[in-house]
N, C-alpha and C. Protein backbone atom coordinates (compact mmCIF):
# COMPACT_ATOMS: atom_id res chain seq x y z
N MET A 1 6.09 -9.48 21.34
CA MET A 1 7.26 -10.16 20.68
C MET A 1 6.87 -11.60 20.42
N ARG A 2 6.31 -12.27 21.43
CA ARG A 2 5.94 -13.59 21.56
C ARG A 2 4.96 -13.87 20.25
N THR A 3 3.92 -12.81 19.91
CA THR A 3 2.99 -12.89 18.89
C THR A 3 3.76 -13.02 17.65
N PHE A 4 4.65 -11.86 17.41
CA PHE A 4 5.46 -11.91 16.25
C PHE A 4 6.29 -13.06 15.93
N LEU A 5 6.85 -13.70 16.89
CA LEU A 5 7.75 -15.03 16.86
C LEU A 5 6.73 -16.06 16.22
N ILE A 6 5.56 -16.18 16.78
CA ILE A 6 4.61 -17.14 16.40
C ILE A 6 4.24 -16.87 14.95
N ARG A 7 4.00 -15.68 14.48
CA ARG A 7 3.52 -15.40 13.19
C ARG A 7 4.69 -15.70 12.24
N LEU A 8 5.96 -15.36 12.63
CA LEU A 8 7.29 -15.62 11.82
C LEU A 8 7.36 -17.10 11.64
N ALA A 9 7.03 -17.91 12.64
CA ALA A 9 7.21 -19.39 12.58
C ALA A 9 6.25 -19.95 11.47
N LEU A 10 5.00 -19.31 11.34
CA LEU A 10 3.92 -19.80 10.52
C LEU A 10 4.28 -19.29 9.11
N LEU A 11 4.77 -18.13 8.94
CA LEU A 11 5.10 -17.70 7.70
C LEU A 11 6.19 -18.32 7.01
N ALA A 12 7.07 -18.72 8.04
CA ALA A 12 8.52 -19.48 7.54
C ALA A 12 8.25 -20.84 7.23
N ALA A 13 7.07 -21.42 7.69
CA ALA A 13 6.90 -22.85 7.54
C ALA A 13 7.05 -23.41 6.11
N PRO A 14 6.73 -22.66 5.12
CA PRO A 14 6.71 -23.11 3.69
C PRO A 14 8.37 -23.44 3.25
N PHE A 15 9.04 -22.73 3.95
CA PHE A 15 10.47 -22.81 3.53
C PHE A 15 11.16 -24.01 4.36
N MET A 16 10.46 -24.59 5.21
CA MET A 16 11.32 -25.63 6.18
C MET A 16 11.74 -26.82 5.44
N ALA A 17 11.20 -26.95 4.12
CA ALA A 17 11.52 -28.22 3.41
C ALA A 17 12.88 -27.86 2.67
N ILE A 18 13.52 -26.57 2.65
CA ILE A 18 14.51 -26.23 2.07
C ILE A 18 15.86 -26.84 2.89
N PRO A 19 16.87 -27.48 2.26
CA PRO A 19 17.99 -27.96 3.04
C PRO A 19 18.57 -26.94 4.02
N ALA A 20 19.08 -27.39 5.22
CA ALA A 20 19.42 -26.60 6.30
C ALA A 20 20.31 -25.47 6.02
N HIS A 21 21.29 -25.70 4.96
CA HIS A 21 22.24 -24.77 4.78
C HIS A 21 21.61 -23.47 3.87
N ALA A 22 20.44 -23.78 3.41
CA ALA A 22 19.66 -22.61 2.59
C ALA A 22 18.64 -22.01 3.41
N GLN A 23 18.45 -22.52 4.62
CA GLN A 23 17.19 -21.91 5.33
C GLN A 23 17.60 -20.65 6.32
N ARG A 24 17.81 -19.62 5.47
CA ARG A 24 18.11 -18.25 6.02
C ARG A 24 16.96 -17.20 5.83
N ILE A 25 16.55 -16.86 6.81
CA ILE A 25 15.47 -15.72 6.84
C ILE A 25 15.97 -14.55 7.70
N ALA A 26 15.53 -13.50 7.38
CA ALA A 26 15.75 -12.15 8.02
C ALA A 26 14.78 -11.30 8.23
N PHE A 27 14.76 -10.32 9.21
CA PHE A 27 13.81 -9.37 9.37
C PHE A 27 14.36 -7.84 9.34
N VAL A 28 13.59 -6.95 9.08
CA VAL A 28 13.83 -5.46 9.11
C VAL A 28 12.69 -4.79 9.64
N ASP A 29 12.99 -3.55 10.35
CA ASP A 29 11.82 -2.83 10.89
C ASP A 29 11.85 -1.55 10.08
N THR A 30 10.91 -1.46 9.02
CA THR A 30 10.86 -0.21 8.32
C THR A 30 10.52 1.03 8.98
N LYS A 31 9.58 0.84 9.91
CA LYS A 31 9.24 2.03 10.85
C LYS A 31 10.56 2.48 11.33
N TYR A 32 11.39 1.70 12.06
CA TYR A 32 12.68 2.18 12.55
C TYR A 32 13.52 2.74 11.47
N ILE A 33 13.69 2.15 10.29
CA ILE A 33 14.43 2.66 9.25
C ILE A 33 13.98 4.24 8.78
N LEU A 34 12.66 4.36 8.61
CA LEU A 34 12.12 5.54 8.27
C LEU A 34 12.34 6.60 9.17
N ASP A 35 12.36 6.22 10.49
CA ASP A 35 12.64 7.34 11.58
C ASP A 35 13.98 7.74 11.55
N GLN A 36 14.81 6.97 10.88
CA GLN A 36 16.31 7.40 10.81
C GLN A 36 16.71 8.24 9.57
N MET A 37 15.83 8.35 8.68
CA MET A 37 16.00 8.94 7.26
C MET A 37 15.52 10.36 7.31
N PRO A 38 16.54 11.26 7.08
CA PRO A 38 16.20 12.81 7.19
C PRO A 38 15.30 13.10 5.95
N ASP A 39 15.27 12.36 4.88
CA ASP A 39 14.46 12.66 3.77
C ASP A 39 12.89 12.34 4.14
N TYR A 40 12.69 11.36 4.78
CA TYR A 40 11.43 10.94 5.47
C TYR A 40 11.02 12.08 6.30
N HIS A 41 11.85 12.56 7.12
CA HIS A 41 11.39 13.71 8.11
C HIS A 41 10.89 14.96 7.44
N ALA A 42 11.78 15.22 6.40
CA ALA A 42 11.44 16.48 5.75
C ALA A 42 10.09 16.35 4.73
N ALA A 43 9.91 15.05 4.35
CA ALA A 43 8.55 14.87 3.59
C ALA A 43 7.48 14.89 4.64
N GLN A 44 7.68 14.32 5.78
CA GLN A 44 6.58 14.43 6.78
C GLN A 44 6.25 15.97 7.18
N GLU A 45 7.17 16.75 7.34
CA GLU A 45 7.26 18.10 7.75
C GLU A 45 6.33 18.87 6.76
N GLU A 46 6.71 18.70 5.43
CA GLU A 46 5.93 19.30 4.33
C GLU A 46 4.48 18.66 4.33
N LEU A 47 4.30 17.57 4.49
CA LEU A 47 2.85 16.95 4.52
C LEU A 47 2.02 17.71 5.72
N ASP A 48 2.63 17.88 6.78
CA ASP A 48 2.13 18.34 8.04
C ASP A 48 1.72 19.85 7.80
N HIS A 49 2.55 20.53 6.97
CA HIS A 49 2.45 21.94 6.74
C HIS A 49 1.25 22.04 5.81
N LEU A 50 1.20 21.14 4.74
CA LEU A 50 0.11 21.30 3.74
C LEU A 50 -1.21 20.92 4.35
N SER A 51 -1.09 19.92 5.28
CA SER A 51 -2.50 19.60 6.03
C SER A 51 -2.95 20.58 6.85
N SER A 52 -2.06 21.46 7.52
CA SER A 52 -2.62 22.41 8.43
C SER A 52 -3.22 23.52 7.65
N GLN A 53 -2.50 23.73 6.50
CA GLN A 53 -2.77 24.94 5.64
C GLN A 53 -4.26 24.73 4.96
N TRP A 54 -4.30 23.39 4.52
CA TRP A 54 -5.62 23.18 3.79
C TRP A 54 -6.66 23.03 5.01
N GLN A 55 -6.47 22.53 6.11
CA GLN A 55 -7.46 22.45 7.12
C GLN A 55 -8.05 23.85 7.56
N LYS A 56 -6.99 24.85 7.75
CA LYS A 56 -7.26 26.10 7.95
C LYS A 56 -8.12 26.72 6.87
N GLU A 57 -7.89 26.58 5.55
CA GLU A 57 -8.72 27.02 4.61
C GLU A 57 -10.11 26.49 4.48
N ILE A 58 -10.36 25.20 5.12
CA ILE A 58 -11.66 24.84 5.21
C ILE A 58 -12.54 25.41 6.30
N GLU A 59 -11.66 25.40 7.44
CA GLU A 59 -12.33 26.05 8.69
C GLU A 59 -12.71 27.36 8.51
N ASP A 60 -11.88 28.22 7.84
CA ASP A 60 -12.34 29.69 7.41
C ASP A 60 -13.60 29.72 6.65
N ARG A 61 -13.80 28.72 5.63
CA ARG A 61 -14.98 28.81 4.86
C ARG A 61 -16.17 28.34 5.84
N TYR A 62 -16.10 27.35 6.78
CA TYR A 62 -17.21 27.10 7.52
C TYR A 62 -17.58 28.25 8.63
N ASP A 63 -16.40 29.08 9.11
CA ASP A 63 -16.56 30.16 9.82
C ASP A 63 -17.50 31.23 9.25
N VAL A 64 -17.20 31.44 7.87
CA VAL A 64 -17.93 32.37 7.07
C VAL A 64 -19.43 31.78 7.01
N ILE A 65 -19.67 30.62 6.88
CA ILE A 65 -21.14 30.07 6.68
C ILE A 65 -21.75 30.12 8.02
N LYS A 66 -21.11 29.92 9.10
CA LYS A 66 -21.56 30.18 10.45
C LYS A 66 -22.07 31.59 10.67
N ARG A 67 -21.22 32.51 10.24
CA ARG A 67 -21.64 33.98 10.46
C ARG A 67 -22.86 34.23 9.57
N LEU A 68 -22.86 33.73 8.28
CA LEU A 68 -24.08 34.14 7.55
C LEU A 68 -25.21 33.43 7.99
N ARG A 69 -25.16 32.26 8.63
CA ARG A 69 -26.41 31.61 9.17
C ARG A 69 -26.85 32.32 10.32
N ASP A 70 -26.04 32.73 11.29
CA ASP A 70 -26.36 33.37 12.50
C ASP A 70 -27.10 34.71 12.18
N ALA A 71 -26.36 35.57 11.04
CA ALA A 71 -27.03 36.78 10.55
C ALA A 71 -28.42 36.34 10.06
N TYR A 72 -28.66 35.38 9.33
CA TYR A 72 -29.97 35.06 8.79
C TYR A 72 -30.89 34.94 9.87
N ASN A 73 -30.63 34.06 10.77
CA ASN A 73 -31.51 33.60 11.94
C ASN A 73 -31.82 34.89 12.65
N ALA A 74 -31.07 35.78 12.60
CA ALA A 74 -31.23 37.03 13.73
C ALA A 74 -32.03 38.04 12.76
N GLU A 75 -31.99 38.12 11.40
CA GLU A 75 -32.80 39.08 10.60
C GLU A 75 -34.01 38.42 9.88
N ALA A 76 -34.11 36.97 9.95
CA ALA A 76 -35.22 36.47 9.35
C ALA A 76 -36.76 37.09 9.43
N ILE A 77 -36.86 37.53 10.60
CA ILE A 77 -38.23 38.22 10.85
C ILE A 77 -38.57 39.50 10.09
N LEU A 78 -37.29 39.96 9.56
CA LEU A 78 -37.38 41.34 8.97
C LEU A 78 -37.35 41.19 7.33
N LEU A 79 -37.12 39.88 7.02
CA LEU A 79 -36.80 39.74 5.49
C LEU A 79 -38.14 39.12 4.78
N THR A 80 -38.11 39.52 3.46
CA THR A 80 -39.31 39.23 2.60
C THR A 80 -39.07 37.65 2.22
N GLU A 81 -39.93 37.03 1.78
CA GLU A 81 -39.81 35.60 1.36
C GLU A 81 -38.77 35.48 0.37
N GLU A 82 -38.77 36.48 -0.67
CA GLU A 82 -37.77 36.39 -1.69
C GLU A 82 -36.34 36.51 -1.16
N MET A 83 -36.15 37.41 -0.17
CA MET A 83 -34.87 37.67 0.38
C MET A 83 -34.48 36.46 1.15
N LYS A 84 -35.24 35.82 1.81
CA LYS A 84 -35.10 34.60 2.56
C LYS A 84 -34.39 33.52 1.63
N ARG A 85 -35.23 33.37 0.70
CA ARG A 85 -34.85 32.15 -0.40
C ARG A 85 -33.32 32.57 -0.87
N SER A 86 -33.19 33.79 -1.16
CA SER A 86 -31.79 34.20 -1.78
C SER A 86 -30.69 33.97 -0.74
N ARG A 87 -30.94 34.41 0.52
CA ARG A 87 -29.85 34.19 1.60
C ARG A 87 -29.73 32.87 1.92
N LEU A 88 -30.79 31.92 2.01
CA LEU A 88 -30.61 30.54 2.12
C LEU A 88 -29.87 29.81 0.96
N ALA A 89 -30.18 30.15 -0.25
CA ALA A 89 -29.51 29.72 -1.35
C ALA A 89 -28.14 30.07 -1.43
N ASP A 90 -27.64 31.17 -0.88
CA ASP A 90 -26.19 31.48 -0.99
C ASP A 90 -25.56 30.64 0.10
N ILE A 91 -26.23 30.45 1.34
CA ILE A 91 -25.61 29.63 2.40
C ILE A 91 -25.49 28.24 1.97
N GLU A 92 -26.35 27.77 1.36
CA GLU A 92 -26.46 26.34 0.85
C GLU A 92 -25.26 26.28 -0.24
N THR A 93 -25.11 26.96 -1.12
CA THR A 93 -24.14 27.05 -2.02
C THR A 93 -22.63 27.13 -1.45
N LYS A 94 -22.55 27.94 -0.37
CA LYS A 94 -21.27 27.89 0.21
C LYS A 94 -21.02 26.74 1.20
N GLU A 95 -21.88 26.11 1.63
CA GLU A 95 -21.76 24.92 2.40
C GLU A 95 -21.41 23.68 1.28
N ARG A 96 -22.10 23.66 0.23
CA ARG A 96 -21.70 22.70 -0.70
C ARG A 96 -20.28 22.79 -1.25
N GLU A 97 -19.90 24.06 -1.52
CA GLU A 97 -18.52 24.42 -1.80
C GLU A 97 -17.41 23.91 -0.92
N ALA A 98 -17.80 23.94 0.36
CA ALA A 98 -16.88 23.91 1.53
C ALA A 98 -16.75 22.32 1.65
N ARG A 99 -17.82 21.72 1.49
CA ARG A 99 -17.80 20.09 1.58
C ARG A 99 -16.98 19.45 0.38
N GLU A 100 -17.20 20.08 -0.92
CA GLU A 100 -16.53 19.64 -2.04
C GLU A 100 -14.77 19.94 -1.82
N LEU A 101 -14.61 21.03 -1.11
CA LEU A 101 -13.23 21.49 -0.85
C LEU A 101 -12.55 20.43 -0.03
N GLN A 102 -13.17 20.20 1.16
CA GLN A 102 -12.76 19.28 1.91
C GLN A 102 -12.52 17.83 1.38
N LYS A 103 -13.57 17.36 0.58
CA LYS A 103 -13.24 16.15 -0.20
C LYS A 103 -12.11 16.16 -1.10
N LYS A 104 -12.04 17.26 -1.87
CA LYS A 104 -10.80 17.46 -2.67
C LYS A 104 -9.24 17.35 -1.85
N ARG A 105 -9.41 18.11 -0.86
CA ARG A 105 -8.18 18.13 -0.10
C ARG A 105 -7.72 16.70 0.58
N PHE A 106 -8.86 16.37 1.31
CA PHE A 106 -8.54 15.18 2.24
C PHE A 106 -9.37 13.76 1.93
N GLY A 107 -10.02 13.88 0.88
CA GLY A 107 -10.71 12.78 0.32
C GLY A 107 -9.91 11.53 -0.07
N VAL A 108 -10.60 10.39 -0.44
CA VAL A 108 -9.80 9.32 -1.01
C VAL A 108 -9.36 9.82 -2.43
N ASN A 109 -7.99 9.63 -2.58
CA ASN A 109 -7.29 10.14 -3.81
C ASN A 109 -7.23 11.57 -3.85
N GLY A 110 -7.44 12.22 -2.74
CA GLY A 110 -7.33 13.79 -2.75
C GLY A 110 -6.02 14.34 -2.80
N ASP A 111 -5.82 15.63 -2.58
CA ASP A 111 -4.68 16.24 -2.80
C ASP A 111 -3.53 15.81 -1.83
N LEU A 112 -3.92 15.54 -0.56
CA LEU A 112 -3.12 15.12 0.58
C LEU A 112 -2.50 13.70 0.15
N PHE A 113 -3.50 12.94 -0.17
CA PHE A 113 -3.12 11.55 -0.69
C PHE A 113 -2.05 11.56 -1.71
N LYS A 114 -2.42 12.32 -2.68
CA LYS A 114 -1.34 12.38 -3.93
C LYS A 114 -0.01 13.02 -3.67
N LYS A 115 -0.18 13.94 -2.63
CA LYS A 115 1.42 14.61 -2.25
C LYS A 115 1.98 13.48 -1.38
N ARG A 116 1.26 12.78 -0.59
CA ARG A 116 1.96 11.70 0.25
C ARG A 116 2.82 10.70 -0.71
N GLN A 117 1.92 10.32 -1.72
CA GLN A 117 2.51 9.47 -2.66
C GLN A 117 3.70 9.91 -3.34
N GLU A 118 3.57 11.17 -3.75
CA GLU A 118 4.70 11.93 -4.52
C GLU A 118 5.92 11.82 -3.59
N LEU A 119 5.87 12.14 -2.31
CA LEU A 119 6.88 12.43 -1.42
C LEU A 119 7.45 11.17 -0.69
N ILE A 120 6.53 10.24 -0.29
CA ILE A 120 6.85 9.01 0.42
C ILE A 120 7.26 7.80 -0.39
N GLN A 121 6.63 7.71 -1.61
CA GLN A 121 6.77 6.37 -2.29
C GLN A 121 8.15 6.51 -2.83
N PRO A 122 8.97 7.48 -3.24
CA PRO A 122 10.23 7.25 -3.83
C PRO A 122 11.12 6.68 -2.48
N ILE A 123 10.95 7.41 -1.38
CA ILE A 123 11.79 6.80 -0.21
C ILE A 123 11.59 5.35 0.00
N GLN A 124 10.24 4.89 0.05
CA GLN A 124 9.81 3.58 0.14
C GLN A 124 10.51 2.69 -0.78
N ASP A 125 10.68 3.08 -2.06
CA ASP A 125 11.31 2.37 -3.12
C ASP A 125 12.64 2.00 -2.91
N ARG A 126 13.37 3.22 -2.39
CA ARG A 126 14.65 3.15 -2.00
C ARG A 126 14.97 2.08 -1.03
N ILE A 127 13.95 2.00 0.10
CA ILE A 127 14.34 1.16 1.20
C ILE A 127 14.11 -0.38 0.61
N TYR A 128 13.13 -0.66 -0.26
CA TYR A 128 12.79 -2.00 -0.80
C TYR A 128 14.05 -2.32 -1.69
N GLN A 129 14.67 -1.47 -2.44
CA GLN A 129 15.77 -1.72 -3.31
C GLN A 129 16.86 -2.26 -2.43
N ALA A 130 17.17 -1.42 -1.25
CA ALA A 130 18.24 -1.74 -0.47
C ALA A 130 17.93 -3.23 0.31
N VAL A 131 16.72 -3.42 0.61
CA VAL A 131 16.49 -4.69 1.35
C VAL A 131 16.75 -5.77 0.21
N LYS A 132 16.41 -5.66 -1.08
CA LYS A 132 16.78 -6.63 -1.99
C LYS A 132 18.05 -6.95 -2.28
N GLU A 133 18.84 -5.69 -2.22
CA GLU A 133 20.47 -6.01 -2.45
C GLU A 133 20.92 -6.49 -1.14
N VAL A 134 20.46 -6.18 0.15
CA VAL A 134 21.07 -6.76 1.26
C VAL A 134 20.68 -8.25 1.24
N ALA A 135 19.51 -8.63 0.90
CA ALA A 135 19.19 -10.03 0.86
C ALA A 135 20.04 -10.87 -0.11
N GLY A 136 20.27 -10.29 -1.23
CA GLY A 136 21.04 -10.93 -2.38
C GLY A 136 20.70 -12.48 -2.44
N THR A 137 21.73 -13.19 -2.49
CA THR A 137 21.54 -14.69 -2.56
C THR A 137 21.69 -15.25 -1.10
N SER A 138 21.76 -14.69 -0.11
CA SER A 138 22.10 -15.15 1.13
C SER A 138 20.82 -15.57 1.99
N TYR A 139 19.70 -14.78 1.60
CA TYR A 139 18.43 -14.86 2.48
C TYR A 139 17.22 -15.55 1.37
N ILE A 140 16.37 -16.27 1.90
CA ILE A 140 15.28 -16.82 1.09
C ILE A 140 14.09 -15.87 1.34
N ALA A 141 13.97 -15.28 2.42
CA ALA A 141 12.77 -14.24 2.82
C ALA A 141 13.39 -13.15 3.82
N VAL A 142 12.83 -12.05 3.58
CA VAL A 142 13.04 -10.97 4.55
C VAL A 142 11.62 -10.51 5.01
N PHE A 143 11.46 -10.51 6.35
CA PHE A 143 10.20 -10.04 6.93
C PHE A 143 10.15 -8.42 7.34
N ASP A 144 8.90 -8.06 7.37
CA ASP A 144 9.16 -6.47 7.97
C ASP A 144 8.32 -6.53 9.13
N ILE A 145 8.87 -6.33 10.33
CA ILE A 145 8.27 -6.35 11.66
C ILE A 145 7.78 -4.79 11.89
N GLY A 146 8.02 -4.04 11.15
CA GLY A 146 7.57 -2.54 11.36
C GLY A 146 6.31 -2.26 10.73
N SER A 147 5.79 -3.21 9.99
CA SER A 147 4.44 -2.91 9.42
C SER A 147 3.40 -3.75 10.11
N GLN A 148 2.02 -3.48 9.77
CA GLN A 148 1.05 -3.87 10.73
C GLN A 148 0.87 -5.38 10.68
N GLY A 149 0.94 -5.92 9.34
CA GLY A 149 0.75 -7.33 9.15
C GLY A 149 2.20 -8.20 9.03
N ASN A 150 3.20 -7.75 9.39
CA ASN A 150 4.50 -8.41 9.34
C ASN A 150 4.74 -8.89 7.96
N ASN A 151 4.71 -8.01 6.90
CA ASN A 151 4.69 -8.41 5.54
C ASN A 151 6.01 -9.09 5.25
N ILE A 152 6.06 -9.88 4.17
CA ILE A 152 7.25 -10.50 3.49
C ILE A 152 7.64 -9.22 2.57
N LEU A 153 8.93 -8.57 2.83
CA LEU A 153 9.44 -7.70 1.93
C LEU A 153 10.16 -8.33 0.58
N PHE A 154 10.77 -9.44 0.99
CA PHE A 154 11.53 -9.97 -0.19
C PHE A 154 11.37 -11.53 -0.05
N ALA A 155 11.07 -12.33 -1.03
CA ALA A 155 11.16 -13.71 -1.12
C ALA A 155 11.88 -14.20 -2.47
N SER A 156 12.62 -15.08 -2.29
CA SER A 156 13.32 -15.63 -3.50
C SER A 156 12.35 -16.45 -4.35
N ASP A 157 12.29 -16.24 -5.60
CA ASP A 157 11.25 -16.87 -6.59
C ASP A 157 11.86 -18.44 -6.55
N LYS A 158 12.93 -18.57 -6.36
CA LYS A 158 13.61 -19.99 -6.49
C LYS A 158 12.88 -20.91 -5.92
N TYR A 159 12.08 -20.50 -4.71
CA TYR A 159 11.44 -21.47 -3.85
C TYR A 159 9.85 -21.32 -3.94
N ASP A 160 9.67 -20.44 -4.95
CA ASP A 160 8.02 -20.29 -5.19
C ASP A 160 7.45 -21.68 -5.83
N LYS A 161 6.53 -22.29 -5.29
CA LYS A 161 6.06 -23.63 -5.75
C LYS A 161 4.51 -23.50 -6.38
N SER A 162 4.14 -22.36 -6.66
CA SER A 162 2.88 -22.04 -7.12
C SER A 162 2.46 -22.93 -8.21
N ASP A 163 3.38 -23.10 -9.23
CA ASP A 163 3.22 -23.70 -10.50
C ASP A 163 3.11 -25.16 -10.07
N SER A 164 3.93 -25.77 -9.24
CA SER A 164 3.76 -27.12 -8.63
C SER A 164 2.58 -27.37 -8.29
N VAL A 165 1.98 -26.51 -7.44
CA VAL A 165 0.56 -26.76 -6.94
C VAL A 165 -0.53 -26.81 -8.01
N LEU A 166 -0.27 -25.84 -9.02
CA LEU A 166 -1.33 -25.77 -10.23
C LEU A 166 -1.33 -27.18 -10.81
N ARG A 167 -0.05 -27.84 -11.16
CA ARG A 167 0.23 -28.99 -11.69
C ARG A 167 -0.58 -30.02 -11.01
N LYS A 168 -0.53 -30.01 -9.47
CA LYS A 168 -1.04 -31.03 -8.61
C LYS A 168 -2.66 -30.94 -8.82
N LEU A 169 -3.32 -29.77 -9.35
CA LEU A 169 -4.57 -29.46 -9.48
C LEU A 169 -4.78 -29.85 -10.71
N GLY A 170 -4.05 -30.26 -11.68
CA GLY A 170 -4.43 -30.67 -12.98
C GLY A 170 -4.47 -29.47 -13.93
N ILE A 171 -3.79 -28.47 -13.65
CA ILE A 171 -3.66 -27.13 -14.39
C ILE A 171 -2.32 -27.15 -14.93
N ARG A 172 -2.07 -26.53 -16.23
CA ARG A 172 -0.84 -26.48 -16.80
C ARG A 172 -0.53 -24.95 -16.50
N PRO A 173 0.41 -24.53 -15.92
CA PRO A 173 0.79 -23.24 -15.60
C PRO A 173 1.03 -22.49 -16.96
N ASP A 174 0.31 -21.28 -16.97
CA ASP A 174 0.23 -20.56 -18.29
C ASP A 174 0.85 -19.13 -17.98
N HIS A 175 2.05 -18.78 -18.33
CA HIS A 175 2.65 -17.41 -18.20
C HIS A 175 2.35 -16.49 -19.30
N SER A 176 1.55 -16.83 -20.30
CA SER A 176 1.24 -15.88 -21.32
C SER A 176 0.10 -14.88 -21.11
N GLY A 177 -0.44 -15.16 -19.83
CA GLY A 177 -1.79 -14.25 -19.46
C GLY A 177 -2.94 -14.82 -19.74
N ASN A 178 -3.06 -16.06 -20.32
CA ASN A 178 -4.25 -16.85 -20.57
C ASN A 178 -4.52 -18.08 -19.87
N PRO A 179 -4.86 -17.79 -18.57
CA PRO A 179 -5.16 -19.09 -17.59
C PRO A 179 -6.23 -19.90 -17.84
N GLY A 180 -6.20 -21.10 -17.23
CA GLY A 180 -7.31 -21.90 -17.60
C GLY A 180 -6.94 -23.26 -18.41
N ASN A 181 -5.69 -23.22 -18.89
CA ASN A 181 -5.18 -24.43 -19.82
C ASN A 181 -5.07 -25.63 -18.79
N THR A 182 -5.58 -26.76 -19.17
CA THR A 182 -5.63 -27.94 -18.16
C THR A 182 -4.67 -28.89 -18.83
N ARG A 183 -4.12 -29.76 -17.99
CA ARG A 183 -3.03 -30.78 -18.37
C ARG A 183 -3.56 -31.96 -19.07
N GLY A 184 -4.93 -32.09 -19.20
CA GLY A 184 -5.57 -33.06 -20.08
C GLY A 184 -5.10 -34.59 -19.43
N GLY A 185 -4.85 -34.66 -18.10
CA GLY A 185 -4.44 -35.88 -17.45
C GLY A 185 -3.09 -36.19 -17.39
N GLU A 186 -2.26 -35.30 -17.96
CA GLU A 186 -0.72 -35.47 -17.96
C GLU A 186 -0.30 -34.93 -16.64
N GLU A 187 0.63 -35.72 -16.00
CA GLU A 187 1.23 -35.39 -14.69
C GLU A 187 2.70 -35.45 -14.56
N GLU A 188 3.30 -34.48 -13.99
CA GLU A 188 4.85 -34.55 -13.91
C GLU A 188 5.30 -35.34 -12.77
N GLU A 189 6.27 -36.14 -12.98
CA GLU A 189 6.84 -37.08 -11.96
C GLU A 189 7.60 -36.30 -10.92
N ASN A 190 8.28 -35.32 -11.46
CA ASN A 190 9.23 -34.56 -10.36
C ASN A 190 8.82 -33.22 -10.03
N ASP A 191 9.10 -32.85 -8.98
CA ASP A 191 8.55 -31.38 -8.55
C ASP A 191 9.93 -30.53 -8.86
N GLN A 192 9.96 -29.63 -9.89
CA GLN A 192 11.05 -28.99 -10.29
C GLN A 192 10.76 -27.44 -10.10
N ASP A 193 11.93 -26.80 -10.20
CA ASP A 193 11.76 -25.11 -10.16
C ASP A 193 10.82 -24.89 -11.39
N ASP A 194 9.93 -24.03 -11.25
CA ASP A 194 8.89 -23.87 -12.31
C ASP A 194 9.38 -22.79 -13.23
N ARG A 195 10.24 -21.96 -12.84
CA ARG A 195 10.70 -20.90 -13.85
C ARG A 195 11.75 -21.46 -14.70
N PRO A 196 11.76 -21.15 -15.97
CA PRO A 196 12.71 -21.96 -16.83
C PRO A 196 14.11 -21.30 -16.79
N ASP A 197 14.29 -20.11 -16.36
CA ASP A 197 15.59 -19.73 -16.07
C ASP A 197 16.19 -19.83 -14.65
N GLY A 198 15.59 -20.20 -13.69
CA GLY A 198 15.73 -20.32 -12.18
C GLY A 198 15.90 -19.11 -11.44
N LYS A 199 15.64 -17.88 -12.03
CA LYS A 199 16.08 -16.72 -11.49
C LYS A 199 14.85 -16.21 -10.58
N ASP A 200 15.35 -15.00 -9.74
CA ASP A 200 14.30 -14.49 -8.80
C ASP A 200 13.41 -13.57 -9.75
N GLN A 201 12.20 -13.14 -9.10
CA GLN A 201 11.36 -12.47 -9.71
C GLN A 201 10.71 -11.37 -8.80
N GLN A 202 10.43 -10.20 -9.31
CA GLN A 202 9.70 -9.23 -8.56
C GLN A 202 8.39 -9.13 -8.69
N ASN A 203 7.65 -8.91 -7.57
CA ASN A 203 6.23 -9.07 -7.48
C ASN A 203 5.66 -8.13 -6.45
N ASN A 204 4.76 -7.31 -6.79
CA ASN A 204 3.94 -6.59 -5.79
C ASN A 204 2.78 -7.26 -5.25
N MET A 205 3.00 -8.26 -4.03
CA MET A 205 1.93 -8.95 -3.82
C MET A 205 0.71 -8.44 -3.29
N ASP A 206 0.81 -7.05 -2.75
CA ASP A 206 -0.31 -6.34 -2.30
C ASP A 206 -1.38 -6.29 -3.34
N ARG A 207 -1.01 -6.30 -4.63
CA ARG A 207 -1.95 -6.21 -5.85
C ARG A 207 -2.33 -7.49 -6.36
N GLY A 208 -1.53 -8.47 -5.69
CA GLY A 208 -1.89 -9.92 -6.37
C GLY A 208 -1.42 -10.11 -7.76
N SER A 209 -0.38 -9.34 -8.18
CA SER A 209 -0.06 -9.57 -9.69
C SER A 209 0.83 -10.63 -9.81
N LYS A 210 0.86 -11.38 -10.85
CA LYS A 210 1.67 -12.52 -11.23
C LYS A 210 3.12 -12.24 -11.35
N PRO A 211 4.14 -12.89 -10.64
CA PRO A 211 5.52 -12.46 -10.79
C PRO A 211 5.93 -12.63 -12.37
N GLN A 212 6.80 -11.54 -12.56
CA GLN A 212 7.44 -11.45 -13.97
C GLN A 212 8.75 -12.18 -14.10
N THR A 213 9.11 -13.05 -14.92
CA THR A 213 10.42 -13.83 -14.97
C THR A 213 11.57 -12.85 -15.05
N GLY A 214 12.59 -13.04 -14.00
CA GLY A 214 13.88 -12.46 -14.17
C GLY A 214 14.01 -11.54 -12.90
N GLN A 215 13.35 -11.48 -12.01
CA GLN A 215 13.48 -10.40 -10.92
C GLN A 215 13.13 -11.03 -9.61
N ASP A 216 13.34 -10.32 -8.37
CA ASP A 216 12.96 -10.91 -7.17
C ASP A 216 11.49 -10.56 -6.81
N ASN A 217 10.99 -11.32 -5.86
CA ASN A 217 9.56 -11.02 -5.34
C ASN A 217 9.79 -9.88 -4.35
N VAL A 218 9.17 -8.64 -4.48
CA VAL A 218 9.40 -7.53 -3.53
C VAL A 218 7.96 -7.21 -3.06
N ILE A 219 7.60 -7.35 -1.81
CA ILE A 219 6.17 -7.30 -1.36
C ILE A 219 6.29 -5.72 -0.71
N LYS A 220 5.46 -4.80 -1.02
CA LYS A 220 5.42 -3.60 -0.31
C LYS A 220 4.21 -3.33 0.46
N PRO A 221 4.36 -3.09 1.82
CA PRO A 221 3.37 -2.92 2.62
C PRO A 221 2.43 -1.69 2.33
N ARG A 222 1.28 -1.76 2.51
CA ARG A 222 0.13 -0.81 2.21
C ARG A 222 0.35 0.48 3.19
């Protein structure tokens, strides 16, 4: 808990310049929230069932391969060279197919990963939408203490000073998708809100994408 409070203090530091009446931050525990959701438990049960089913499918293939190899070792002395080559080629083919199946089921972007995305992502999206609605205009940031990195789930773009920093670096903020425009020596005297409409923005910070005007910053943990 002490470690979390230290991290929270460090993460909240950029907001300390905000007037006292606006300095409101909050935290949620997404792990606790997920544990309370029946939909999440149902999704986990389906994932566990599929994982066990696919694991057994792979283990059955390796059992067949083991029996074939044991039989070959026991009979090799009686086989001709051509028969040996044929039997070994068959074993190698089955081993390759088993490895490919294992990769297809459990590899990066494999069937289990895709199924988890299909079942869990909608639940996470509902949580983040609820966090955003709870935060409303009352909180400038909401932290997630249930994730590994204590991520920020919500941050009001009203207090995003990224464009102000760019101007200090002599770069004119460009929201057209063509970065690199310089100010040519021009410098603003006042530090103002950088978004023309002053609204919040939505942004998936895990992907490092640029916020889009008109929504809240929502940061989804990996």
